[in-house]
Amino acid sequence: MTLTARTLSELAPDERAAFFDRDAGVADARADARTILSRVQDEGDVALRELAREHDDVEVGTINVTDTAERAYDEIDEAVRTSLETAAANIRTFHEEQIPDDWRSTYEEDHRELGRRFRPLDRVGVYAPGGTAAYPSSVLMGVIPAVVAGVEHVALATPPGDPVHPVTRAAAHIAGADRIYAVGGAQAVGALAYGTESIDAVQKIVGPGNRWVTAAKAEVRGDVDIDFLAGPSEVLVIADETATPEYVAADLLAQAEHDPNASVVAVTDHEDTAEAIIKAVEAQISDRQRLDVITEALEQAASGVIVTRSMSEAILFAEEYAAEHLSIQAADDEAILDRIKNAGSVFLGSHTPVAAGDYASGTNHVLPTSGGARQYGGLSVDTFLRSTTVQRIDKTGLDRLNKTIQTLATAEGLEAHAESVRIRTETARAESESTPERTTDTDMDGGGMSESSVTATESNK
């Protein structure tokens, strides 16, 4: 049993709700996360080592493994090193395009000068999953945008393994991480948020993780900033009759192998296309190494192939779904894109697999899940910047705003606000009234400029 084709208009309310109520399981993990965070706050490095022993079955000696990164870079397979470099270059180039410019605008008629400037955070922490597997792509996706943004200190936390996987450490070296810490799970979030003997506290924590990592991020939010709370991976493919079923199936299987709780959906207005996608999935699935994980993901209620009455209905479904990854494999993909607002990252055309964005096209793969794309976007340079507004108003400009400000301040009952304006405008008027008008040579002699005035005027030309 894998995917089944269902008609959207015939779904029962609970079947339809399953597609949109995608739960990351964070609520169930928050109590455990609170306990872990408390231990880290109370015991520091001791807690980190004990928790690594309890949860990762690893004995951690040195927590700060930064000095091993360059050596790992030299030791890993050359093909892997070259691929990491290529992916990093593409990610860096894409994110450099996102750097905003400071700006000032002068409104001469109102005597106001307004602007905005952008400055990076000082210290951020990036979490990258690890342990039994290596996820160097998550290292690149988290660290590079922070470095591009100009963050002064970028720390990477990743589960210890035995030791931290060399490809992960090499990726951190390529990306430009300032520190690499062998600590994972909720305890890594606690260490980055509150600091320990080996780990300096940061201002913001970003990056994907399991439900305990996500629950810990939810708990520390407020003490530090975070990116967002992400759940299991998800993909939605919009396909018309021109789509290649084998490509759609391959994209569904690729996301399904992430996690047994991953959600994979194809939506099409063509019944024959739906059946062809299901047959392609069945033909490809037996060759996949993570068959058990994929099968579980495909069989969950939030996965399936949906048949709609029209492409407009398919688009409305996609908008409500607000997918982490949205693949549009249709003849008029640009027209469909124009009608989509809610998506983490969009992949246009048959030759743009979601895996391209996962690794090397340059866009970021740290994206909102569980409908989060309705409210916010994925990780970017913006994530690591803070903006400050700047303004300058001269005497004339303040005088023109005087009545508006004082009226509104008085309406709010904030008399001191009104007074801070009144004292300036009244002082400016008094100064203006007490300054005698400058007399000219013309006024003094009753006509024409004096010789000295002419000379001075000519000399200023």
Protein backbone atom coordinates (compact mmCIF):
# COMPACT_ATOMS: atom_id res chain seq x y z
CA MET A 1 0.00 0.00 0.00
CA THR A 2 1.44 3.37 -0.99
CA LEU A 3 -0.42 6.37 -2.35
CA THR A 4 -4.09 6.39 -3.31
CA ALA A 5 -5.95 8.75 -5.65
CA ARG A 6 -8.82 10.65 -4.06
CA THR A 7 -11.22 13.21 -5.47
CA LEU A 8 -11.00 16.46 -3.56
CA SER A 9 -14.72 17.21 -3.64
CA GLU A 10 -15.50 13.75 -2.22
CA LEU A 11 -13.17 13.89 0.80
CA ALA A 12 -14.85 13.56 4.17
CA PRO A 13 -14.24 16.48 6.56
CA ASP A 14 -11.69 14.53 8.62
CA GLU A 15 -9.87 13.37 5.47
CA ARG A 16 -9.63 16.94 4.20
CA ALA A 17 -8.53 18.24 7.60
CA ALA A 18 -5.65 15.73 7.69
CA PHE A 19 -3.98 17.53 4.80
CA PHE A 20 -4.07 20.90 6.53
CA ASP A 21 -3.63 20.03 10.23
CA ARG A 22 -0.07 18.83 9.88
CA ASP A 23 1.26 18.51 13.43
CA ALA A 24 5.00 18.56 14.13
CA GLY A 25 4.44 16.82 17.47
CA VAL A 26 6.07 19.70 19.34
CA ALA A 27 3.45 19.92 22.07
CA ASP A 28 4.15 16.36 23.22
CA ALA A 29 7.89 17.05 23.46
CA ARG A 30 7.81 20.35 25.36
CA ALA A 31 7.80 18.86 28.85
CA ASP A 32 10.92 16.81 28.08
CA ALA A 33 12.52 19.85 26.46
CA ARG A 34 11.88 21.98 29.56
CA THR A 35 13.57 19.40 31.77
CA ILE A 36 16.62 19.27 29.50
CA LEU A 37 16.86 23.05 29.28
CA SER A 38 16.71 23.33 33.06
CA ARG A 39 19.55 20.85 33.43
CA VAL A 40 21.70 22.78 30.95
CA GLN A 41 21.05 26.06 32.76
CA ASP A 42 21.89 24.54 36.14
CA GLU A 43 24.80 22.25 35.24
CA GLY A 44 26.37 23.63 32.04
CA ASP A 45 28.91 21.37 30.33
CA VAL A 46 28.32 18.59 32.84
CA ALA A 47 24.72 18.34 31.68
CA LEU A 48 25.77 18.39 28.02
CA ARG A 49 28.08 15.42 28.52
CA GLU A 50 25.55 13.47 30.58
CA LEU A 51 22.76 14.10 28.07
CA ALA A 52 25.01 13.01 25.18
CA ARG A 53 25.61 9.77 27.08
CA GLU A 54 21.89 9.30 27.82
CA HIS A 55 20.39 10.26 24.45
CA ASP A 56 23.17 9.79 21.88
CA ASP A 57 25.11 6.96 23.56
CA VAL A 58 28.27 8.98 23.01
CA GLU A 59 31.01 9.97 25.42
CA VAL A 60 31.88 13.58 24.72
CA GLY A 61 35.30 14.86 25.65
CA THR A 62 35.94 18.20 23.99
CA ILE A 63 32.74 20.08 23.20
CA ASN A 64 34.42 22.74 21.09
CA VAL A 65 35.75 20.90 18.03
CA THR A 66 36.41 23.97 15.87
CA ASP A 67 40.10 23.16 15.46
CA THR A 68 39.27 19.87 13.71
CA ALA A 69 37.32 21.50 10.86
CA GLU A 70 40.21 22.44 8.59
CA ARG A 71 41.75 19.00 9.01
CA ALA A 72 38.43 17.36 8.12
CA TYR A 73 38.24 19.55 5.00
CA ASP A 74 41.63 18.23 3.86
CA GLU A 75 40.78 14.61 4.65
CA ILE A 76 37.34 14.12 3.09
CA ASP A 77 36.83 12.62 -0.37
CA GLU A 78 37.81 15.07 -3.11
CA ALA A 79 34.51 14.67 -4.97
CA VAL A 80 32.56 15.47 -1.81
CA ARG A 81 34.80 18.47 -1.11
CA THR A 82 34.29 19.80 -4.65
CA SER A 83 30.52 19.33 -4.40
CA LEU A 84 30.42 21.16 -1.08
CA GLU A 85 32.42 24.02 -2.57
CA THR A 86 30.10 24.25 -5.59
CA ALA A 87 26.96 24.19 -3.47
CA ALA A 88 28.43 26.76 -1.07
CA ALA A 89 29.33 29.10 -3.92
CA ASN A 90 25.79 28.95 -5.32
CA ILE A 91 24.23 29.49 -1.90
CA ARG A 92 26.58 32.39 -1.20
CA THR A 93 25.86 34.08 -4.55
CA PHE A 94 22.09 33.81 -4.11
CA HIS A 95 22.18 35.20 -0.58
CA GLU A 96 24.51 38.06 -1.50
CA GLU A 97 21.72 39.30 -3.76
CA GLN A 98 19.55 39.71 -0.65
CA ILE A 99 21.74 42.26 1.15
CA PRO A 100 19.60 45.41 1.50
CA ASP A 101 20.97 48.91 1.04
CA ASP A 102 20.69 51.60 3.68
CA TRP A 103 18.60 54.49 2.38
CA ARG A 104 17.65 58.09 3.15
CA SER A 105 14.91 60.06 1.43
CA THR A 106 14.51 63.82 1.69
CA TYR A 107 10.99 65.23 1.55
CA GLU A 108 11.98 68.80 0.79
CA GLU A 109 8.48 70.19 0.74
CA ASP A 110 7.94 68.94 4.30
CA HIS A 111 11.48 69.57 5.55
CA ARG A 112 11.87 65.92 6.66
CA GLU A 113 14.63 63.40 6.03
CA LEU A 114 13.74 59.76 6.68
CA GLY A 115 15.65 56.55 6.22
CA ARG A 116 16.37 53.00 7.21
CA ARG A 117 19.63 51.19 7.89
CA PHE A 118 20.43 47.52 8.37
CA ARG A 119 22.94 45.98 10.76
CA PRO A 120 23.72 42.30 11.44
CA LEU A 121 23.19 40.53 14.73
CA ASP A 122 26.35 40.07 16.78
CA ARG A 123 26.09 36.38 17.70
CA VAL A 124 23.93 33.61 16.21
CA GLY A 125 23.72 29.87 16.65
CA VAL A 126 23.00 27.45 13.81
CA TYR A 127 21.69 23.98 14.55
CA ALA A 128 22.37 21.18 12.05
CA PRO A 129 21.01 17.65 12.53
CA GLY A 130 23.56 14.87 12.79
CA GLY A 131 24.48 11.91 14.97
CA THR A 132 24.08 8.71 12.95
CA ALA A 133 23.92 10.67 9.67
CA ALA A 134 25.62 13.76 8.24
CA TYR A 135 23.69 16.77 6.96
CA PRO A 136 26.36 19.11 5.57
CA SER A 137 23.75 20.78 3.39
CA SER A 138 21.99 22.10 6.52
CA VAL A 139 25.33 23.47 7.72
CA LEU A 140 25.76 25.42 4.48
CA MET A 141 22.15 26.64 4.49
CA GLY A 142 22.36 27.94 8.05
CA VAL A 143 25.87 29.33 8.30
CA ILE A 144 26.37 31.00 4.90
CA PRO A 145 23.44 33.47 5.08
CA ALA A 146 24.61 34.55 8.55
CA VAL A 147 28.16 35.11 7.29
CA VAL A 148 26.89 36.97 4.23
CA ALA A 149 24.76 39.16 6.50
CA GLY A 150 27.92 40.12 8.40
CA VAL A 151 27.22 38.38 11.71
CA GLU A 152 30.35 38.74 13.82
CA HIS A 153 30.20 35.31 15.50
CA VAL A 154 28.47 32.29 13.94
CA ALA A 155 28.38 29.13 16.06
CA LEU A 156 27.36 25.70 14.77
CA ALA A 157 25.91 23.04 17.07
CA THR A 158 25.51 19.51 15.78
CA PRO A 159 25.13 16.12 17.54
CA PRO A 160 28.43 14.58 18.66
CA GLY A 161 28.56 11.25 16.83
CA ASP A 162 31.92 9.61 17.38
CA PRO A 163 33.26 12.18 16.57
CA VAL A 164 31.22 14.79 14.68
CA HIS A 165 31.04 13.55 11.08
CA PRO A 166 34.04 14.86 9.09
CA VAL A 167 31.83 16.02 6.19
CA THR A 168 29.81 18.14 8.62
CA ARG A 169 32.98 19.69 10.01
CA ALA A 170 34.32 20.28 6.50
CA ALA A 171 31.05 21.98 5.52
CA ALA A 172 31.34 24.25 8.56
CA HIS A 173 34.86 25.19 7.48
CA ILE A 174 33.71 26.00 3.95
CA ALA A 175 30.70 27.96 5.18
CA GLY A 176 32.81 30.06 7.57
CA ALA A 177 31.51 29.04 11.01
CA ASP A 178 33.50 30.60 13.85
CA ARG A 179 32.80 27.79 16.34
CA ILE A 180 31.72 24.17 16.02
CA TYR A 181 30.20 22.50 19.07
CA ALA A 182 29.65 18.76 19.44
CA VAL A 183 26.25 18.97 21.09
CA GLY A 184 22.82 18.09 19.74
CA GLY A 185 19.17 17.87 20.65
CA ALA A 186 17.30 20.14 23.02
CA GLN A 187 20.48 20.52 25.08
CA ALA A 188 22.20 22.24 22.12
CA VAL A 189 19.40 24.79 21.98
CA GLY A 190 19.74 25.38 25.72
CA ALA A 191 23.51 25.79 25.50
CA LEU A 192 23.24 28.30 22.67
CA ALA A 193 20.45 30.20 24.41
CA TYR A 194 21.94 30.40 27.91
CA GLY A 195 25.63 29.58 27.50
CA THR A 196 27.83 27.07 29.32
CA GLU A 197 31.50 26.92 30.23
CA SER A 198 32.37 25.94 26.64
CA ILE A 199 29.61 27.65 24.69
CA ASP A 200 28.89 31.36 24.46
CA ALA A 201 25.25 32.45 24.47
CA VAL A 202 23.84 33.83 21.21
CA GLN A 203 21.11 36.27 20.21
CA LYS A 204 19.32 34.00 17.75
CA ILE A 205 19.06 30.28 17.04
CA VAL A 206 18.18 28.92 13.59
CA GLY A 207 18.10 25.59 11.81
CA PRO A 208 16.00 22.42 11.54
CA GLY A 209 15.89 19.56 14.02
CA ASN A 210 13.69 16.84 15.47
CA ARG A 211 10.63 17.51 17.61
CA TRP A 212 12.71 17.93 20.78
CA VAL A 213 14.93 20.51 19.11
CA THR A 214 11.84 22.32 17.85
CA ALA A 215 10.18 22.11 21.26
CA ALA A 216 13.30 23.53 22.88
CA LYS A 217 13.29 26.43 20.41
CA ALA A 218 9.68 27.08 21.37
CA GLU A 219 10.67 27.14 25.04
CA VAL A 220 13.62 29.53 24.71
CA ARG A 221 11.83 31.92 22.35
CA GLY A 222 11.65 35.17 24.24
CA ASP A 223 15.00 34.64 25.95
CA VAL A 224 16.55 34.51 22.47
CA ASP A 225 15.11 34.95 19.02
CA ILE A 226 14.54 31.95 16.72
CA ASP A 227 13.76 31.53 13.05
CA PHE A 228 10.53 29.48 13.22
CA LEU A 229 9.18 26.15 14.46
CA ALA A 230 9.60 23.60 11.68
CA GLY A 231 8.13 20.14 11.50
CA PRO A 232 8.60 17.13 9.19
CA SER A 233 9.37 17.75 5.53
CA GLU A 234 6.56 18.19 3.01
CA VAL A 235 6.07 18.60 -0.73
CA LEU A 236 3.08 19.46 -2.86
CA VAL A 237 3.25 18.91 -6.62
CA ILE A 238 0.76 20.62 -8.93
CA ALA A 239 0.66 18.56 -12.14
CA ASP A 240 -1.38 18.89 -15.31
CA GLU A 241 -1.71 16.40 -18.16
CA THR A 242 1.68 17.50 -19.57
CA ALA A 243 3.58 16.49 -16.44
CA THR A 244 5.91 13.49 -16.58
CA PRO A 245 4.50 11.04 -13.99
CA GLU A 246 7.92 9.50 -13.33
CA TYR A 247 9.34 12.91 -12.36
CA VAL A 248 6.43 13.67 -10.05
CA ALA A 249 6.79 10.26 -8.42
CA ALA A 250 10.52 10.75 -7.93
CA ASP A 251 9.94 14.07 -6.15
CA LEU A 252 7.33 12.51 -3.86
CA LEU A 253 9.64 9.64 -2.93
CA ALA A 254 12.57 12.01 -2.36
CA GLN A 255 10.70 13.98 0.30
CA ALA A 256 9.12 10.86 1.79
CA GLU A 257 12.56 9.44 2.63
CA HIS A 258 13.21 12.33 5.04
CA ASP A 259 10.89 11.17 7.77
CA PRO A 260 8.03 8.70 8.36
CA ASN A 261 5.93 11.76 9.25
CA ALA A 262 6.75 13.59 6.01
CA SER A 263 3.75 14.73 3.97
CA VAL A 264 3.85 14.19 0.21
CA VAL A 265 0.97 15.25 -2.03
CA ALA A 266 0.34 15.52 -5.76
CA VAL A 267 -2.70 17.44 -6.97
CA THR A 268 -3.91 17.30 -10.57
CA ASP A 269 -6.98 18.14 -12.59
CA HIS A 270 -6.44 15.09 -14.79
CA GLU A 271 -7.55 11.67 -13.56
CA ASP A 272 -5.30 9.74 -15.95
CA THR A 273 -2.31 11.75 -14.70
CA ALA A 274 -3.20 10.85 -11.12
CA GLU A 275 -3.26 7.14 -11.93
CA ALA A 276 0.00 7.40 -13.87
CA ILE A 277 1.71 9.08 -10.89
CA ILE A 278 0.59 6.29 -8.58
CA LYS A 279 1.87 3.64 -11.00
CA ALA A 280 5.20 5.47 -11.26
CA VAL A 281 5.52 5.55 -7.47
CA GLU A 282 4.85 1.82 -7.30
CA ALA A 283 7.44 1.19 -10.01
CA GLN A 284 10.16 3.23 -8.30
CA ILE A 285 9.62 2.57 -4.61
CA SER A 286 11.18 -0.90 -4.44
CA ASP A 287 14.56 0.51 -5.50
CA ARG A 288 14.72 3.04 -2.66
CA GLN A 289 17.13 2.30 0.20
CA ARG A 290 14.95 3.91 2.89
CA LEU A 291 11.92 1.86 1.89
CA ASP A 292 10.44 1.52 5.37
CA VAL A 293 10.58 5.29 6.03
CA ILE A 294 9.14 6.09 2.60
CA THR A 295 6.29 3.60 2.91
CA GLU A 296 5.25 4.96 6.29
CA ALA A 297 5.26 8.52 4.98
CA LEU A 298 3.22 7.60 1.91
CA GLU A 299 0.59 5.76 3.94
CA GLN A 300 -0.12 8.53 6.42
CA ALA A 301 -3.35 10.51 6.16
CA ALA A 302 -1.57 13.72 5.09
CA SER A 303 -0.13 12.11 1.95
CA GLY A 304 -1.90 11.23 -1.28
CA VAL A 305 -2.76 12.05 -4.86
CA ILE A 306 -5.67 14.46 -5.18
CA VAL A 307 -7.87 14.85 -8.26
CA THR A 308 -9.58 18.22 -8.69
CA ARG A 309 -12.33 19.36 -11.06
CA SER A 310 -10.15 22.12 -12.50
CA MET A 311 -6.71 23.67 -12.26
CA SER A 312 -8.26 26.59 -10.36
CA GLU A 313 -9.45 24.16 -7.70
CA ALA A 314 -5.95 22.64 -7.57
CA ILE A 315 -4.45 26.11 -7.04
CA LEU A 316 -6.94 26.90 -4.26
CA PHE A 317 -5.97 23.63 -2.59
CA ALA A 318 -2.28 24.54 -2.87
CA GLU A 319 -2.92 27.98 -1.38
CA GLU A 320 -4.70 26.47 1.59
CA TYR A 321 -2.02 23.78 1.98
CA ALA A 322 0.84 26.37 2.05
CA ALA A 323 3.55 23.84 1.27
CA GLU A 324 7.15 23.92 2.43
CA HIS A 325 8.14 22.81 -1.10
CA LEU A 326 5.80 23.52 -4.01
CA SER A 327 6.62 21.93 -7.36
CA ILE A 328 4.66 23.15 -10.39
CA GLN A 329 4.95 20.71 -13.27
CA ALA A 330 2.47 22.12 -15.77
CA ALA A 331 2.46 23.73 -19.20
CA ASP A 332 1.58 27.18 -17.88
CA ASP A 333 3.63 27.10 -14.70
CA GLU A 334 4.24 30.87 -14.61
CA ALA A 335 0.51 31.61 -14.73
CA ILE A 336 -0.04 29.18 -11.86
CA LEU A 337 2.81 30.77 -9.90
CA ASP A 338 1.19 34.19 -10.30
CA ARG A 339 -1.81 32.86 -8.35
CA ILE A 340 0.25 31.37 -5.51
CA LYS A 341 1.09 33.37 -2.38
CA ASN A 342 1.56 30.65 0.22
CA ALA A 343 4.67 28.52 -0.35
CA GLY A 344 8.09 28.20 1.25
CA SER A 345 10.02 27.55 -1.96
CA VAL A 346 8.68 27.03 -5.49
CA PHE A 347 10.18 24.73 -8.14
CA LEU A 348 9.08 25.46 -11.70
CA GLY A 349 9.15 22.97 -14.54
CA SER A 350 9.88 19.31 -15.06
CA HIS A 351 13.67 19.69 -14.73
CA THR A 352 13.67 21.50 -11.38
CA PRO A 353 13.56 18.73 -8.77
CA VAL A 354 13.06 19.75 -5.16
CA ALA A 355 16.40 18.09 -4.41
CA ALA A 356 18.09 20.89 -6.38
CA GLY A 357 16.97 23.39 -3.75
CA ASP A 358 17.79 20.94 -0.97
CA TYR A 359 21.44 20.96 -1.98
CA ALA A 360 22.91 23.15 -4.64
CA SER A 361 20.76 25.51 -6.69
CA GLY A 362 21.46 28.31 -4.21
CA THR A 363 18.10 28.86 -2.53
CA ASN A 364 17.73 28.00 1.14
CA HIS A 365 16.20 24.72 2.27
CA VAL A 366 15.39 25.86 5.82
CA LEU A 367 11.70 26.55 5.18
CA PRO A 368 8.41 26.89 7.04
CA THR A 369 6.30 23.74 7.37
CA SER A 370 2.82 22.90 8.67
CA GLY A 371 1.27 25.86 6.85
CA GLY A 372 3.79 28.37 8.20
CA ALA A 373 4.28 29.74 4.69
CA ARG A 374 1.01 31.62 5.17
CA GLN A 375 2.81 33.90 7.64
CA TYR A 376 6.54 33.91 6.84
CA GLY A 377 9.28 32.80 4.50
CA GLY A 378 12.37 30.65 4.81
CA LEU A 379 15.82 31.38 6.14
CA SER A 380 17.53 34.30 4.40
CA VAL A 381 19.97 37.14 4.97
CA ASP A 382 17.03 39.07 6.44
CA THR A 383 16.89 36.50 9.25
CA PHE A 384 20.20 37.80 10.59
CA LEU A 385 19.64 41.53 10.20
CA ARG A 386 17.97 44.16 12.35
CA SER A 387 16.72 47.42 10.89
CA THR A 388 16.83 50.90 12.40
CA THR A 389 14.83 53.86 11.16
CA VAL A 390 16.53 57.27 11.00
CA GLN A 391 14.93 60.72 10.79
CA ARG A 392 15.86 64.39 10.79
CA ILE A 393 13.35 67.27 10.91
CA ASP A 394 14.26 70.95 10.75
CA LYS A 395 12.43 73.85 12.42
CA THR A 396 10.08 74.38 9.51
CA GLY A 397 9.27 70.69 9.25
CA LEU A 398 8.46 70.41 12.94
CA ASP A 399 6.30 73.50 12.77
CA ARG A 400 4.28 71.89 9.97
CA LEU A 401 3.80 68.70 12.05
CA ASN A 402 3.17 70.63 15.26
CA LYS A 403 -0.64 70.66 15.21
CA THR A 404 -0.92 67.02 14.13
CA ILE A 405 1.44 65.73 16.82
CA GLN A 406 -0.01 67.84 19.63
CA THR A 407 -3.58 66.95 18.71
CA LEU A 408 -2.89 63.21 18.66
CA ALA A 409 -0.76 63.30 21.82
CA THR A 410 -3.50 65.20 23.66
CA ALA A 411 -6.12 62.73 22.40
CA GLU A 412 -4.06 59.91 23.91
CA GLY A 413 -3.63 61.77 27.19
CA LEU A 414 0.13 62.07 26.79
CA GLU A 415 0.67 65.70 27.69
CA ALA A 416 4.45 65.44 27.92
CA HIS A 417 4.61 64.24 24.33
CA ALA A 418 2.73 67.33 23.20
CA GLU A 419 4.95 69.54 25.36
CA SER A 420 8.13 68.10 23.80
CA VAL A 421 6.93 69.52 20.49
CA ARG A 422 5.41 72.74 21.80
CA ILE A 423 8.58 73.83 23.61
CA ARG A 424 10.56 73.55 20.38
CA THR A 425 8.09 75.27 18.08
CA GLU A 426 7.43 78.14 20.48
CA THR A 427 11.14 78.66 21.05
CA ALA A 428 11.71 78.68 17.29
CA ARG A 429 8.97 81.28 16.79
CA ALA A 430 10.33 83.46 19.58
CA GLU A 431 13.81 83.34 18.09
CA SER A 432 12.43 84.22 14.69
CA GLU A 433 10.42 87.18 16.02
CA SER A 434 13.38 88.56 18.00
CA THR A 435 15.76 88.50 15.03
CA PRO A 436 15.64 91.86 13.15
CA GLU A 437 15.27 91.74 9.40
CA ARG A 438 18.56 92.31 7.61
CA THR A 439 18.71 95.72 5.88
CA THR A 440 20.25 95.98 2.43
CA ASP A 441 22.20 98.73 0.74
CA THR A 442 19.14 99.29 -1.43
CA ASP A 443 17.09 100.14 1.65
CA MET A 444 19.74 102.53 2.87
CA ASP A 445 20.30 104.59 -0.28
CA GLY A 446 16.83 104.37 -1.74
CA GLY A 447 17.77 102.82 -5.02
CA GLY A 448 20.25 100.66 -6.91
CA MET A 449 23.07 98.55 -5.46
CA SER A 450 26.10 100.18 -3.93
CA GLU A 451 29.47 99.64 -5.55
CA SER A 452 30.48 97.31 -2.73
CA SER A 453 27.32 95.22 -3.22
CA VAL A 454 27.95 94.82 -6.92
CA THR A 455 31.51 93.77 -6.29
CA ALA A 456 30.44 91.19 -3.71
CA THR A 457 27.73 89.80 -5.97
CA GLU A 458 30.09 89.39 -8.89
CA SER A 459 32.72 87.74 -6.79
CA ASN A 460 30.22 85.02 -5.76
CA LYS A 461 29.41 84.02 -9.33
